[in-house]
PDB file of N, CA and C in Angstrom:
ATOM      1  N   UNK A   1     -29.402 -23.341 -35.778  1.00  0.00           N
ATOM      2  CA  UNK A   1     -28.458 -22.358 -36.295  1.00  0.00           C
ATOM      3  C   UNK A   1     -28.889 -20.962 -35.904  1.00  0.00           C
ATOM      4  N   UNK A   2     -27.912 -20.147 -35.679  1.00  0.00           N
ATOM      5  CA  UNK A   2     -28.180 -18.731 -35.503  1.00  0.00           C
ATOM      6  C   UNK A   2     -28.618 -18.191 -36.855  1.00  0.00           C
ATOM      7  N   UNK A   3     -29.701 -17.476 -36.874  1.00  0.00           N
ATOM      8  CA  UNK A   3     -30.198 -16.929 -38.139  1.00  0.00           C
ATOM      9  C   UNK A   3     -29.469 -15.627 -38.440  1.00  0.00           C
ATOM     10  N   UNK A   4     -28.943 -15.536 -39.672  1.00  0.00           N
ATOM     11  CA  UNK A   4     -28.232 -14.339 -40.088  1.00  0.00           C
ATOM     12  C   UNK A   4     -28.886 -13.817 -41.356  1.00  0.00           C
ATOM     13  N   UNK A   5     -29.244 -12.541 -41.342  1.00  0.00           N
ATOM     14  CA  UNK A   5     -29.806 -11.913 -42.537  1.00  0.00           C
ATOM     15  C   UNK A   5     -28.680 -11.353 -43.386  1.00  0.00           C
ATOM     16  N   UNK A   6     -28.715 -11.683 -44.658  1.00  0.00           N
ATOM     17  CA  UNK A   6     -27.703 -11.216 -45.590  1.00  0.00           C
ATOM     18  C   UNK A   6     -27.601  -9.699 -45.571  1.00  0.00           C
ATOM     19  N   UNK A   7     -28.733  -9.017 -45.595  1.00  0.00           N
ATOM     20  CA  UNK A   7     -28.732  -7.557 -45.655  1.00  0.00           C
ATOM     21  C   UNK A   7     -28.172  -6.917 -44.386  1.00  0.00           C
ATOM     22  N   UNK A   8     -28.139  -7.657 -43.276  1.00  0.00           N
ATOM     23  CA  UNK A   8     -27.608  -7.125 -42.023  1.00  0.00           C
ATOM     24  C   UNK A   8     -26.096  -7.335 -41.896  1.00  0.00           C
ATOM     25  N   UNK A   9     -25.535  -8.180 -42.753  1.00  0.00           N
ATOM     26  CA  UNK A   9     -24.095  -8.443 -42.683  1.00  0.00           C
ATOM     27  C   UNK A   9     -23.323  -7.269 -43.268  1.00  0.00           C
ATOM     28  N   UNK A  10     -22.257  -6.877 -42.583  1.00  0.00           N
ATOM     29  CA  UNK A  10     -21.390  -5.819 -43.081  1.00  0.00           C
ATOM     30  C   UNK A  10     -20.322  -6.432 -43.973  1.00  0.00           C
ATOM     31  N   UNK A  11     -19.989  -5.730 -45.033  1.00  0.00           N
ATOM     32  CA  UNK A  11     -18.981  -6.208 -45.967  1.00  0.00           C
ATOM     33  C   UNK A  11     -17.639  -6.382 -45.264  1.00  0.00           C
ATOM     34  N   UNK A  12     -17.054  -7.564 -45.416  1.00  0.00           N
ATOM     35  CA  UNK A  12     -15.729  -7.905 -44.881  1.00  0.00           C
ATOM     36  C   UNK A  12     -15.641  -7.842 -43.354  1.00  0.00           C
ATOM     37  N   UNK A  13     -16.765  -8.009 -42.683  1.00  0.00           N
ATOM     38  CA  UNK A  13     -16.793  -8.074 -41.219  1.00  0.00           C
ATOM     39  C   UNK A  13     -17.274  -9.474 -40.827  1.00  0.00           C
ATOM     40  N   UNK A  14     -16.351 -10.364 -40.446  1.00  0.00           N
ATOM     41  CA  UNK A  14     -16.731 -11.739 -40.124  1.00  0.00           C
ATOM     42  C   UNK A  14     -17.709 -11.824 -38.951  1.00  0.00           C
ATOM     43  N   UNK A  15     -18.535 -12.868 -39.002  1.00  0.00           N
ATOM     44  CA  UNK A  15     -19.526 -13.130 -37.964  1.00  0.00           C
ATOM     45  C   UNK A  15     -19.425 -14.610 -37.594  1.00  0.00           C
ATOM     46  N   UNK A  16     -19.414 -14.892 -36.310  1.00  0.00           N
ATOM     47  CA  UNK A  16     -19.378 -16.287 -35.842  1.00  0.00           C
ATOM     48  C   UNK A  16     -20.796 -16.773 -35.600  1.00  0.00           C
ATOM     49  N   UNK A  17     -21.109 -17.947 -36.172  1.00  0.00           N
ATOM     50  CA  UNK A  17     -22.406 -18.586 -35.951  1.00  0.00           C
ATOM     51  C   UNK A  17     -22.155 -20.033 -35.566  1.00  0.00           C
ATOM     52  N   UNK A  18     -23.151 -20.645 -34.955  1.00  0.00           N
ATOM     53  CA  UNK A  18     -23.057 -22.058 -34.616  1.00  0.00           C
ATOM     54  C   UNK A  18     -24.139 -22.797 -35.396  1.00  0.00           C
ATOM     55  N   UNK A  19     -23.711 -23.789 -36.170  1.00  0.00           N
ATOM     56  CA  UNK A  19     -24.627 -24.596 -36.965  1.00  0.00           C
ATOM     57  C   UNK A  19     -24.445 -26.047 -36.546  1.00  0.00           C
ATOM     58  N   UNK A  20     -25.478 -26.629 -35.995  1.00  0.00           N
ATOM     59  CA  UNK A  20     -25.436 -28.031 -35.557  1.00  0.00           C
ATOM     60  C   UNK A  20     -24.207 -28.334 -34.704  1.00  0.00           C
ATOM     61  N   UNK A  21     -23.870 -27.425 -33.802  1.00  0.00           N
ATOM     62  CA  UNK A  21     -22.752 -27.640 -32.894  1.00  0.00           C
ATOM     63  C   UNK A  21     -21.389 -27.253 -33.437  1.00  0.00           C
ATOM     64  N   UNK A  22     -21.317 -26.779 -34.692  1.00  0.00           N
ATOM     65  CA  UNK A  22     -20.042 -26.363 -35.282  1.00  0.00           C
ATOM     66  C   UNK A  22     -19.977 -24.842 -35.362  1.00  0.00           C
ATOM     67  N   UNK A  23     -18.877 -24.272 -34.852  1.00  0.00           N
ATOM     68  CA  UNK A  23     -18.666 -22.833 -34.963  1.00  0.00           C
ATOM     69  C   UNK A  23     -18.134 -22.521 -36.356  1.00  0.00           C
ATOM     70  N   UNK A  24     -18.800 -21.595 -37.021  1.00  0.00           N
ATOM     71  CA  UNK A  24     -18.491 -21.243 -38.403  1.00  0.00           C
ATOM     72  C   UNK A  24     -18.331 -19.736 -38.506  1.00  0.00           C
ATOM     73  N   UNK A  25     -17.359 -19.322 -39.298  1.00  0.00           N
ATOM     74  CA  UNK A  25     -17.102 -17.913 -39.573  1.00  0.00           C
ATOM     75  C   UNK A  25     -17.744 -17.561 -40.908  1.00  0.00           C
ATOM     76  N   UNK A  26     -18.709 -16.653 -40.887  1.00  0.00           N
ATOM     77  CA  UNK A  26     -19.354 -16.172 -42.109  1.00  0.00           C
ATOM     78  C   UNK A  26     -18.778 -14.818 -42.479  1.00  0.00           C
ATOM     79  N   UNK A  27     -18.497 -14.634 -43.760  1.00  0.00           N
ATOM     80  CA  UNK A  27     -17.984 -13.353 -44.226  1.00  0.00           C
ATOM     81  C   UNK A  27     -18.665 -12.972 -45.519  1.00  0.00           C
ATOM     82  N   UNK A  28     -19.181 -11.769 -45.545  1.00  0.00           N
ATOM     83  CA  UNK A  28     -19.803 -11.229 -46.762  1.00  0.00           C
ATOM     84  C   UNK A  28     -18.770 -10.396 -47.512  1.00  0.00           C
ATOM     85  N   UNK A  29     -18.653 -10.684 -48.804  1.00  0.00           N
ATOM     86  CA  UNK A  29     -17.830  -9.866 -49.694  1.00  0.00           C
ATOM     87  C   UNK A  29     -18.714  -9.531 -50.888  1.00  0.00           C
ATOM     88  N   UNK A  30     -19.142  -8.280 -50.942  1.00  0.00           N
ATOM     89  CA  UNK A  30     -20.061  -7.872 -52.004  1.00  0.00           C
ATOM     90  C   UNK A  30     -21.371  -8.629 -51.889  1.00  0.00           C
ATOM     91  N   UNK A  31     -21.738  -9.345 -52.952  1.00  0.00           N
ATOM     92  CA  UNK A  31     -22.995 -10.095 -52.933  1.00  0.00           C
ATOM     93  C   UNK A  31     -22.787 -11.579 -52.652  1.00  0.00           C
ATOM     94  N   UNK A  32     -21.597 -11.936 -52.169  1.00  0.00           N
ATOM     95  CA  UNK A  32     -21.286 -13.329 -51.843  1.00  0.00           C
ATOM     96  C   UNK A  32     -21.065 -13.491 -50.346  1.00  0.00           C
ATOM     97  N   UNK A  33     -21.374 -14.693 -49.838  1.00  0.00           N
ATOM     98  CA  UNK A  33     -21.093 -15.030 -48.450  1.00  0.00           C
ATOM     99  C   UNK A  33     -20.260 -16.306 -48.443  1.00  0.00           C
ATOM    100  N   UNK A  34     -19.218 -16.311 -47.625  1.00  0.00           N
ATOM    101  CA  UNK A  34     -18.335 -17.454 -47.502  1.00  0.00           C
ATOM    102  C   UNK A  34     -18.414 -17.993 -46.082  1.00  0.00           C
ATOM    103  N   UNK A  35     -18.346 -19.322 -45.951  1.00  0.00           N
ATOM    104  CA  UNK A  35     -18.392 -19.971 -44.643  1.00  0.00           C
ATOM    105  C   UNK A  35     -17.156 -20.841 -44.487  1.00  0.00           C
ATOM    106  N   UNK A  36     -16.432 -20.628 -43.400  1.00  0.00           N
ATOM    107  CA  UNK A  36     -15.199 -21.356 -43.118  1.00  0.00           C
ATOM    108  C   UNK A  36     -15.223 -21.721 -41.640  1.00  0.00           C
ATOM    109  N   UNK A  37     -14.612 -22.848 -41.296  1.00  0.00           N
ATOM    110  CA  UNK A  37     -14.527 -23.226 -39.893  1.00  0.00           C
ATOM    111  C   UNK A  37     -13.948 -22.081 -39.079  1.00  0.00           C
ATOM    112  N   UNK A  38     -14.495 -21.835 -37.904  1.00  0.00           N
ATOM    113  CA  UNK A  38     -14.101 -20.644 -37.146  1.00  0.00           C
ATOM    114  C   UNK A  38     -12.741 -20.769 -36.473  1.00  0.00           C
ATOM    115  N   UNK A  39     -12.248 -21.976 -36.246  1.00  0.00           N
ATOM    116  CA  UNK A  39     -10.977 -22.109 -35.548  1.00  0.00           C
ATOM    117  C   UNK A  39      -9.807 -22.178 -36.514  1.00  0.00           C
ATOM    118  N   UNK A  40      -8.789 -21.392 -36.237  1.00  0.00           N
ATOM    119  CA  UNK A  40      -7.542 -21.453 -36.987  1.00  0.00           C
ATOM    120  C   UNK A  40      -6.969 -22.856 -36.848  1.00  0.00           C
ATOM    121  N   UNK A  41      -6.448 -23.415 -37.927  1.00  0.00           N
ATOM    122  CA  UNK A  41      -5.902 -24.766 -37.871  1.00  0.00           C
ATOM    123  C   UNK A  41      -4.518 -24.810 -37.230  1.00  0.00           C
ATOM    124  N   UNK A  42      -3.932 -23.668 -36.987  1.00  0.00           N
ATOM    125  CA  UNK A  42      -2.632 -23.611 -36.315  1.00  0.00           C
ATOM    126  C   UNK A  42      -2.797 -23.540 -34.801  1.00  0.00           C
ATOM    127  N   UNK A  43      -3.749 -22.750 -34.368  1.00  0.00           N
ATOM    128  CA  UNK A  43      -4.043 -22.605 -32.944  1.00  0.00           C
ATOM    129  C   UNK A  43      -5.546 -22.473 -32.819  1.00  0.00           C
ATOM    130  N   UNK A  44      -6.052 -22.637 -31.647  1.00  0.00           N
ATOM    131  CA  UNK A  44      -7.505 -22.590 -31.476  1.00  0.00           C
ATOM    132  C   UNK A  44      -8.017 -21.167 -31.311  1.00  0.00           C
ATOM    133  N   UNK A  45      -7.610 -20.282 -32.206  1.00  0.00           N
ATOM    134  CA  UNK A  45      -8.063 -18.894 -32.190  1.00  0.00           C
ATOM    135  C   UNK A  45      -9.245 -18.744 -33.140  1.00  0.00           C
ATOM    136  N   UNK A  46     -10.179 -17.895 -32.792  1.00  0.00           N
ATOM    137  CA  UNK A  46     -11.378 -17.667 -33.585  1.00  0.00           C
ATOM    138  C   UNK A  46     -11.071 -16.816 -34.817  1.00  0.00           C
ATOM    139  N   UNK A  47     -11.296 -17.390 -36.000  1.00  0.00           N
ATOM    140  CA  UNK A  47     -11.060 -16.633 -37.232  1.00  0.00           C
ATOM    141  C   UNK A  47     -12.045 -15.470 -37.385  1.00  0.00           C
ATOM    142  N   UNK A  48     -13.216 -15.580 -36.785  1.00  0.00           N
ATOM    143  CA  UNK A  48     -14.205 -14.503 -36.912  1.00  0.00           C
ATOM    144  C   UNK A  48     -13.745 -13.215 -36.232  1.00  0.00           C
ATOM    145  N   UNK A  49     -12.663 -13.285 -35.473  1.00  0.00           N
ATOM    146  CA  UNK A  49     -12.084 -12.086 -34.856  1.00  0.00           C
ATOM    147  C   UNK A  49     -10.966 -11.504 -35.712  1.00  0.00           C
ATOM    148  N   UNK A  50     -10.716 -12.123 -36.868  1.00  0.00           N
ATOM    149  CA  UNK A  50      -9.631 -11.689 -37.734  1.00  0.00           C
ATOM    150  C   UNK A  50     -10.058 -10.640 -38.743  1.00  0.00           C
ATOM    151  N   UNK A  51      -9.087 -10.206 -39.536  1.00  0.00           N
ATOM    152  CA  UNK A  51      -9.315  -9.194 -40.559  1.00  0.00           C
ATOM    153  C   UNK A  51      -9.425  -9.849 -41.935  1.00  0.00           C
ATOM    154  N   UNK A  52     -10.264  -9.259 -42.784  1.00  0.00           N
ATOM    155  CA  UNK A  52     -10.482  -9.760 -44.139  1.00  0.00           C
ATOM    156  C   UNK A  52      -9.904  -8.764 -45.139  1.00  0.00           C
ATOM    157  N   UNK A  53      -9.080  -9.295 -46.046  1.00  0.00           N
ATOM    158  CA  UNK A  53      -8.515  -8.527 -47.150  1.00  0.00           C
ATOM    159  C   UNK A  53      -8.681  -9.366 -48.402  1.00  0.00           C
ATOM    160  N   UNK A  54      -9.204  -8.754 -49.450  1.00  0.00           N
ATOM    161  CA  UNK A  54      -9.513  -9.508 -50.669  1.00  0.00           C
ATOM    162  C   UNK A  54     -10.370 -10.715 -50.272  1.00  0.00           C
ATOM    163  N   UNK A  55      -9.934 -11.920 -50.612  1.00  0.00           N
ATOM    164  CA  UNK A  55     -10.677 -13.137 -50.242  1.00  0.00           C
ATOM    165  C   UNK A  55      -9.928 -13.923 -49.181  1.00  0.00           C
ATOM    166  N   UNK A  56      -9.168 -13.216 -48.343  1.00  0.00           N
ATOM    167  CA  UNK A  56      -8.377 -13.849 -47.296  1.00  0.00           C
ATOM    168  C   UNK A  56      -8.848 -13.373 -45.930  1.00  0.00           C
ATOM    169  N   UNK A  57      -8.776 -14.301 -44.973  1.00  0.00           N
ATOM    170  CA  UNK A  57      -9.010 -13.927 -43.583  1.00  0.00           C
ATOM    171  C   UNK A  57      -7.739 -14.234 -42.815  1.00  0.00           C
ATOM    172  N   UNK A  58      -7.335 -13.290 -41.956  1.00  0.00           N
ATOM    173  CA  UNK A  58      -6.103 -13.427 -41.181  1.00  0.00           C
ATOM    174  C   UNK A  58      -6.445 -13.724 -39.732  1.00  0.00           C
ATOM    175  N   UNK A  59      -5.844 -14.775 -39.210  1.00  0.00           N
ATOM    176  CA  UNK A  59      -6.007 -15.103 -37.793  1.00  0.00           C
ATOM    177  C   UNK A  59      -5.373 -13.995 -36.960  1.00  0.00           C
ATOM    178  N   UNK A  60      -6.093 -13.497 -36.002  1.00  0.00           N
ATOM    179  CA  UNK A  60      -5.623 -12.391 -35.178  1.00  0.00           C
ATOM    180  C   UNK A  60      -4.469 -12.793 -34.259  1.00  0.00           C
ATOM    181  N   UNK A  61      -4.312 -14.098 -33.966  1.00  0.00           N
ATOM    182  CA  UNK A  61      -3.335 -14.507 -32.973  1.00  0.00           C
ATOM    183  C   UNK A  61      -1.903 -14.580 -33.512  1.00  0.00           C
ATOM    184  N   UNK A  62      -1.706 -15.267 -34.637  1.00  0.00           N
ATOM    185  CA  UNK A  62      -0.356 -15.435 -35.174  1.00  0.00           C
ATOM    186  C   UNK A  62      -0.225 -15.003 -36.633  1.00  0.00           C
ATOM    187  N   UNK A  63      -1.284 -14.476 -37.225  1.00  0.00           N
ATOM    188  CA  UNK A  63      -1.182 -13.928 -38.573  1.00  0.00           C
ATOM    189  C   UNK A  63      -1.347 -14.907 -39.717  1.00  0.00           C
ATOM    190  N   UNK A  64      -1.688 -16.156 -39.448  1.00  0.00           N
ATOM    191  CA  UNK A  64      -1.925 -17.112 -40.534  1.00  0.00           C
ATOM    192  C   UNK A  64      -3.105 -16.632 -41.370  1.00  0.00           C
ATOM    193  N   UNK A  65      -3.011 -16.809 -42.683  1.00  0.00           N
ATOM    194  CA  UNK A  65      -4.083 -16.391 -43.584  1.00  0.00           C
ATOM    195  C   UNK A  65      -4.688 -17.596 -44.285  1.00  0.00           C
ATOM    196  N   UNK A  66      -6.001 -17.519 -44.511  1.00  0.00           N
ATOM    197  CA  UNK A  66      -6.744 -18.581 -45.179  1.00  0.00           C
ATOM    198  C   UNK A  66      -7.573 -17.986 -46.313  1.00  0.00           C
ATOM    199  N   UNK A  67      -7.673 -18.725 -47.410  1.00  0.00           N
ATOM    200  CA  UNK A  67      -8.530 -18.331 -48.527  1.00  0.00           C
ATOM    201  C   UNK A  67      -9.969 -18.655 -48.151  1.00  0.00           C
ATOM    202  N   UNK A  68     -10.828 -17.654 -48.134  1.00  0.00           N
ATOM    203  CA  UNK A  68     -12.222 -17.861 -47.750  1.00  0.00           C
ATOM    204  C   UNK A  68     -12.971 -18.750 -48.743  1.00  0.00           C
ATOM    205  N   UNK A  69     -12.523 -18.791 -49.988  1.00  0.00           N
ATOM    206  CA  UNK A  69     -13.208 -19.578 -51.019  1.00  0.00           C
ATOM    207  C   UNK A  69     -12.879 -21.057 -50.925  1.00  0.00           C
ATOM    208  N   UNK A  70     -11.649 -21.387 -50.540  1.00  0.00           N
ATOM    209  CA  UNK A  70     -11.199 -22.781 -50.576  1.00  0.00           C
ATOM    210  C   UNK A  70     -10.772 -23.322 -49.215  1.00  0.00           C
ATOM    211  N   UNK A  71     -10.504 -22.441 -48.263  1.00  0.00           N
ATOM    212  CA  UNK A  71      -9.995 -22.847 -46.963  1.00  0.00           C
ATOM    213  C   UNK A  71      -8.491 -23.038 -46.937  1.00  0.00           C
ATOM    214  N   UNK A  72      -7.832 -22.913 -48.099  1.00  0.00           N
ATOM    215  CA  UNK A  72      -6.397 -23.139 -48.189  1.00  0.00           C
ATOM    216  C   UNK A  72      -5.637 -22.250 -47.208  1.00  0.00           C
ATOM    217  N   UNK A  73      -4.672 -22.859 -46.497  1.00  0.00           N
ATOM    218  CA  UNK A  73      -3.774 -22.092 -45.635  1.00  0.00           C
ATOM    219  C   UNK A  73      -2.767 -21.399 -46.540  1.00  0.00           C
ATOM    220  N   UNK A  74      -2.761 -20.078 -46.525  1.00  0.00           N
ATOM    221  CA  UNK A  74      -1.930 -19.305 -47.447  1.00  0.00           C
ATOM    222  C   UNK A  74      -0.587 -18.904 -46.865  1.00  0.00           C
ATOM    223  N   UNK A  75      -0.513 -18.775 -45.552  1.00  0.00           N
ATOM    224  CA  UNK A  75       0.736 -18.351 -44.910  1.00  0.00           C
ATOM    225  C   UNK A  75       0.978 -19.158 -43.642  1.00  0.00           C
ATOM    226  N   UNK A  76       2.242 -19.270 -43.311  1.00  0.00           N
ATOM    227  CA  UNK A  76       2.618 -19.895 -42.043  1.00  0.00           C
ATOM    228  C   UNK A  76       2.246 -18.952 -40.908  1.00  0.00           C
ATOM    229  N   UNK A  77       2.005 -19.427 -39.737  1.00  0.00           N
ATOM    230  CA  UNK A  77       2.334 -20.752 -39.267  1.00  0.00           C
ATOM    231  C   UNK A  77       1.306 -21.834 -39.603  1.00  0.00           C
ATOM    232  N   UNK A  78       0.174 -21.508 -40.203  1.00  0.00           N
ATOM    233  CA  UNK A  78      -0.804 -22.544 -40.566  1.00  0.00           C
ATOM    234  C   UNK A  78      -0.352 -23.264 -41.831  1.00  0.00           C
ATOM    235  N   UNK A  79      -0.512 -24.581 -41.833  1.00  0.00           N
ATOM    236  CA  UNK A  79      -0.225 -25.350 -43.035  1.00  0.00           C
ATOM    237  C   UNK A  79      -1.305 -26.395 -43.319  1.00  0.00           C
ATOM    238  N   UNK A  80      -2.358 -26.357 -42.536  1.00  0.00           N
ATOM    239  CA  UNK A  80      -3.506 -27.246 -42.722  1.00  0.00           C
ATOM    240  C   UNK A  80      -4.691 -26.372 -43.138  1.00  0.00           C
ATOM    241  N   UNK A  81      -5.399 -26.749 -44.219  1.00  0.00           N
ATOM    242  CA  UNK A  81      -6.540 -25.936 -44.642  1.00  0.00           C
ATOM    243  C   UNK A  81      -7.671 -25.949 -43.618  1.00  0.00           C
ATOM    244  N   UNK A  82      -8.466 -24.897 -43.650  1.00  0.00           N
ATOM    245  CA  UNK A  82      -9.675 -24.819 -42.833  1.00  0.00           C
ATOM    246  C   UNK A  82     -10.834 -25.386 -43.641  1.00  0.00           C
ATOM    247  N   UNK A  83     -11.791 -25.963 -42.958  1.00  0.00           N
ATOM    248  CA  UNK A  83     -12.962 -26.528 -43.625  1.00  0.00           C
ATOM    249  C   UNK A  83     -13.849 -25.403 -44.152  1.00  0.00           C
ATOM    250  N   UNK A  84     -14.373 -25.576 -45.350  1.00  0.00           N
ATOM    251  CA  UNK A  84     -15.325 -24.613 -45.907  1.00  0.00           C
ATOM    252  C   UNK A  84     -16.680 -25.288 -46.051  1.00  0.00           C
ATOM    253  N   UNK A  85     -17.722 -24.477 -46.147  1.00  0.00           N
ATOM    254  CA  UNK A  85     -19.093 -24.975 -46.209  1.00  0.00           C
ATOM    255  C   UNK A  85     -19.852 -24.267 -47.321  1.00  0.00           C
ATOM    256  N   UNK A  86     -20.734 -25.002 -48.014  1.00  0.00           N
ATOM    257  CA  UNK A  86     -21.576 -24.360 -49.029  1.00  0.00           C
ATOM    258  C   UNK A  86     -22.564 -23.388 -48.373  1.00  0.00           C
ATOM    259  N   UNK A  87     -22.771 -22.264 -49.047  1.00  0.00           N
ATOM    260  CA  UNK A  87     -23.669 -21.219 -48.533  1.00  0.00           C
ATOM    261  C   UNK A  87     -24.674 -20.844 -49.614  1.00  0.00           C
ATOM    262  N   UNK A  88     -25.913 -20.660 -49.206  1.00  0.00           N
ATOM    263  CA  UNK A  88     -26.936 -20.094 -50.088  1.00  0.00           C
ATOM    264  C   UNK A  88     -27.644 -18.987 -49.321  1.00  0.00           C
ATOM    265  N   UNK A  89     -28.229 -18.067 -50.071  1.00  0.00           N
ATOM    266  CA  UNK A  89     -29.040 -17.006 -49.466  1.00  0.00           C
ATOM    267  C   UNK A  89     -30.444 -17.162 -50.021  1.00  0.00           C
ATOM    268  N   UNK A  90     -31.399 -17.412 -49.128  1.00  0.00           N
ATOM    269  CA  UNK A  90     -32.792 -17.615 -49.512  1.00  0.00           C
ATOM    270  C   UNK A  90     -33.644 -16.601 -48.760  1.00  0.00           C
ATOM    271  N   UNK A  91     -34.335 -15.749 -49.510  1.00  0.00           N
ATOM    272  CA  UNK A  91     -35.190 -14.722 -48.895  1.00  0.00           C
ATOM    273  C   UNK A  91     -34.437 -13.923 -47.828  1.00  0.00           C
ATOM    274  N   UNK A  92     -33.207 -13.517 -48.156  1.00  0.00           N
ATOM    275  CA  UNK A  92     -32.361 -12.694 -47.303  1.00  0.00           C
ATOM    276  C   UNK A  92     -31.775 -13.440 -46.105  1.00  0.00           C
ATOM    277  N   UNK A  93     -32.016 -14.751 -45.984  1.00  0.00           N
ATOM    278  CA  UNK A  93     -31.475 -15.539 -44.881  1.00  0.00           C
ATOM    279  C   UNK A  93     -30.295 -16.353 -45.391  1.00  0.00           C
ATOM    280  N   UNK A  94     -29.176 -16.259 -44.691  1.00  0.00           N
ATOM    281  CA  UNK A  94     -27.970 -17.008 -45.045  1.00  0.00           C
ATOM    282  C   UNK A  94     -28.122 -18.428 -44.514  1.00  0.00           C
ATOM    283  N   UNK A  95     -27.990 -19.409 -45.405  1.00  0.00           N
ATOM    284  CA  UNK A  95     -28.089 -20.818 -45.025  1.00  0.00           C
ATOM    285  C   UNK A  95     -26.755 -21.495 -45.287  1.00  0.00           C
ATOM    286  N   UNK A  96     -26.239 -22.200 -44.275  1.00  0.00           N
ATOM    287  CA  UNK A  96     -24.972 -22.909 -44.386  1.00  0.00           C
ATOM    288  C   UNK A  96     -25.268 -24.396 -44.329  1.00  0.00           C
ATOM    289  N   UNK A  97     -24.723 -25.139 -45.300  1.00  0.00           N
ATOM    290  CA  UNK A  97     -24.931 -26.587 -45.333  1.00  0.00           C
ATOM    291  C   UNK A  97     -23.797 -27.269 -44.571  1.00  0.00           C
ATOM    292  N   UNK A  98     -24.171 -27.946 -43.476  1.00  0.00           N
ATOM    293  CA  UNK A  98     -23.203 -28.676 -42.671  1.00  0.00           C
ATOM    294  C   UNK A  98     -23.604 -30.151 -42.710  1.00  0.00           C
ATOM    295  N   UNK A  99     -22.664 -30.990 -43.098  1.00  0.00           N
ATOM    296  CA  UNK A  99     -22.955 -32.448 -43.150  1.00  0.00           C
ATOM    297  C   UNK A  99     -22.380 -33.150 -41.953  1.00  0.00           C
TER     298      UNK A  99
END
């Protein structure tokens, strides 16, 4: 995995990391970090290039929005949820659990 330090993450600025061959979008909101699959379920666009508002990330390509907490597709054209992953922060290092 690419090592990401919590303190180096900018608030609401997504970061793409690869964990065990899976591309994951990490987003810090305040003192929380959320991990969601990096590819939009509508098209193969990288969610880490999208904008974050509240707890939503918007795909830059067609505007589909996903809830960072649950992966739920909130707006069309996406109607399939994105996968989410458990996240912990240990000694300032963000750890994502991928099964």
